[in-house]
Amino acid sequence: MPQTHRDIPGAGGSDTNALRSSEARKNQSGTAMKAFVRMMNEWGMTQNESCAILGDIPIATYKKWASGNVGTLSRDQLERIGLTLGIYKGLSLIFNDEGGRLRWFKNKNHDYAFKGKSPAERMTDGGMNDLYAVREYLNGMRGAH
């Protein structure tokens, strides 16, 4: 059965404990990376920014994975992709048009969670907490808990 973004931990789907199994991670890695690359392209993120979101992986590794030669991603990498998918979903639920999503995502935000950075910049700070912060902010905007 083909995987969907719901099968990727952090995207509102499966339990992150499933990622302790290398077989489960291997099965999810290709689908997760394909979705991640698609999101990064849609958001106009650079390869450096994409690498930062994935935990500061080397650009050569990102290029290899983006071309479809993924192998098995780590638990951390799959959780980061899952959080990014959750952010993508949150933006889609809040904003009806792509222009609105991109403006919010790329523009400076002076709310406490962003302190003058854009949500995209907060995500590329590289920490897992930064990804969680953006996702939780969006959840709050749409009234989800």
Protein backbone atom coordinates (compact mmCIF):
# COMPACT_ATOMS: atom_id res chain seq x y z
CA MET A 1 0.00 0.00 0.00
CA PRO A 2 1.46 3.41 -0.94
CA GLN A 3 2.40 5.76 1.85
CA THR A 4 0.90 9.17 2.36
CA HIS A 5 2.03 12.12 4.45
CA ARG A 6 -0.17 10.70 7.24
CA ASP A 7 2.26 7.82 7.55
CA ILE A 8 5.11 10.17 8.40
CA PRO A 9 5.52 10.94 12.12
CA GLY A 10 4.87 14.54 13.06
CA ALA A 11 2.48 15.00 10.14
CA GLY A 12 -0.56 14.09 12.16
CA GLY A 13 -0.20 10.41 11.46
CA SER A 14 1.70 7.55 13.02
CA ASP A 15 3.44 7.34 16.37
CA THR A 16 7.04 8.59 16.44
CA ASN A 17 8.00 5.49 18.45
CA ALA A 18 7.58 3.54 15.21
CA LEU A 19 10.74 5.30 14.04
CA ARG A 20 12.86 3.23 16.39
CA SER A 21 12.65 0.48 13.80
CA SER A 22 15.16 0.89 10.99
CA GLU A 23 12.80 -1.06 8.71
CA ALA A 24 9.99 1.44 9.38
CA ARG A 25 12.35 4.35 8.71
CA LYS A 26 13.57 2.74 5.51
CA ASN A 27 9.98 2.25 4.32
CA GLN A 28 9.10 5.90 4.99
CA SER A 29 12.28 7.60 3.82
CA GLY A 30 11.63 7.82 0.08
CA THR A 31 8.07 9.10 0.43
CA ALA A 32 9.06 11.56 3.15
CA MET A 33 11.95 13.00 1.17
CA LYS A 34 9.88 13.33 -1.99
CA ALA A 35 7.23 15.31 -0.07
CA PHE A 36 9.91 17.43 1.62
CA VAL A 37 11.57 18.38 -1.68
CA ARG A 38 8.19 19.29 -3.15
CA MET A 39 7.42 21.57 -0.19
CA MET A 40 10.83 23.24 -0.32
CA ASN A 41 10.40 23.92 -4.03
CA GLU A 42 6.89 25.30 -3.54
CA TRP A 43 8.09 27.60 -0.77
CA GLY A 44 11.11 28.75 -2.82
CA MET A 45 13.59 27.53 -0.23
CA THR A 46 17.25 27.24 -1.19
CA GLN A 47 19.23 24.03 -0.84
CA ASN A 48 21.09 25.56 2.12
CA GLU A 49 17.78 26.35 3.84
CA SER A 50 16.48 22.87 3.13
CA CYS A 51 19.65 21.34 4.56
CA ALA A 52 19.29 23.46 7.71
CA ILE A 53 15.72 22.29 8.25
CA LEU A 54 16.89 18.69 7.96
CA GLY A 55 19.46 19.26 10.71
CA ASP A 56 22.33 20.82 8.76
CA ILE A 57 23.01 17.93 6.43
CA PRO A 58 25.64 18.46 3.68
CA ILE A 59 24.37 19.89 0.38
CA ALA A 60 25.80 16.89 -1.49
CA THR A 61 23.68 14.60 0.67
CA TYR A 62 20.59 16.72 0.06
CA LYS A 63 21.15 16.65 -3.70
CA LYS A 64 21.53 12.86 -3.60
CA TRP A 65 18.37 12.42 -1.56
CA ALA A 66 16.41 14.94 -3.65
CA SER A 67 17.29 12.97 -6.78
CA GLY A 68 15.59 9.90 -5.27
CA ASN A 69 18.65 8.12 -3.87
CA VAL A 70 17.54 8.34 -0.24
CA GLY A 71 18.40 5.18 1.66
CA THR A 72 17.24 5.27 5.29
CA LEU A 73 16.69 8.60 7.00
CA SER A 74 17.33 8.96 10.72
CA ARG A 75 14.55 9.31 13.25
CA ASP A 76 15.50 12.98 13.69
CA GLN A 77 15.30 13.66 9.95
CA LEU A 78 11.92 11.94 9.61
CA GLU A 79 10.55 13.88 12.58
CA ARG A 80 11.80 17.13 11.03
CA ILE A 81 10.06 16.26 7.76
CA GLY A 82 6.92 15.36 9.67
CA LEU A 83 6.92 18.73 11.45
CA THR A 84 7.46 20.49 8.12
CA LEU A 85 4.49 18.60 6.67
CA GLY A 86 2.43 19.73 9.64
CA ILE A 87 3.45 23.33 8.95
CA TYR A 88 2.51 22.92 5.31
CA LYS A 89 -0.88 21.48 6.27
CA GLY A 90 -1.48 24.27 8.80
CA LEU A 91 -0.74 26.93 6.21
CA SER A 92 -3.12 25.24 3.76
CA LEU A 93 -5.91 25.18 6.36
CA ILE A 94 -5.46 28.85 7.34
CA PHE A 95 -4.83 30.47 3.95
CA ASN A 96 -7.05 29.85 0.93
CA ASP A 97 -4.51 30.93 -1.63
CA GLU A 98 -0.86 30.16 -2.24
CA GLY A 99 0.02 33.85 -2.27
CA GLY A 100 -1.28 34.32 1.26
CA ARG A 101 0.56 31.24 2.50
CA LEU A 102 3.85 32.39 0.99
CA ARG A 103 3.49 35.98 2.24
CA TRP A 104 2.92 34.82 5.82
CA PHE A 105 5.69 32.25 5.58
CA LYS A 106 8.35 34.56 4.10
CA ASN A 107 7.53 37.94 5.72
CA LYS A 108 9.00 39.21 8.96
CA ASN A 109 6.78 38.55 11.95
CA HIS A 110 7.08 40.60 15.13
CA ASP A 111 5.05 38.26 17.34
CA TYR A 112 6.98 36.84 20.27
CA ALA A 113 7.48 33.44 18.60
CA PHE A 114 9.39 34.99 15.70
CA LYS A 115 11.02 38.13 17.14
CA GLY A 116 11.27 39.89 13.80
CA LYS A 117 12.15 36.83 11.75
CA SER A 118 9.94 35.23 9.16
CA PRO A 119 8.55 31.76 9.91
CA ALA A 120 10.84 30.46 7.14
CA GLU A 121 13.85 32.00 8.91
CA ARG A 122 12.77 30.54 12.24
CA MET A 123 12.59 27.09 10.62
CA THR A 124 16.06 27.42 9.15
CA ASP A 125 17.58 28.26 12.53
CA GLY A 126 18.02 24.50 12.47
CA GLY A 127 16.74 23.41 15.85
CA MET A 128 13.91 20.96 16.34
CA ASN A 129 12.39 23.50 18.76
CA ASP A 130 12.23 26.04 15.94
CA LEU A 131 10.17 23.67 13.82
CA TYR A 132 7.89 22.90 16.76
CA ALA A 133 7.46 26.62 17.46
CA VAL A 134 6.27 27.37 13.91
CA ARG A 135 3.94 24.38 13.89
CA GLU A 136 2.45 25.22 17.28
CA TYR A 137 1.99 28.87 16.27
CA LEU A 138 -0.02 27.74 13.24
CA ASN A 139 -2.03 25.32 15.37
CA GLY A 140 -2.86 28.25 17.65
CA MET A 141 -3.90 30.41 14.69
CA ARG A 142 -6.40 27.82 13.58
CA GLY A 143 -7.60 26.97 17.08
CA ALA A 144 -6.16 23.45 17.13
CA HIS A 145 -4.72 22.05 20.31
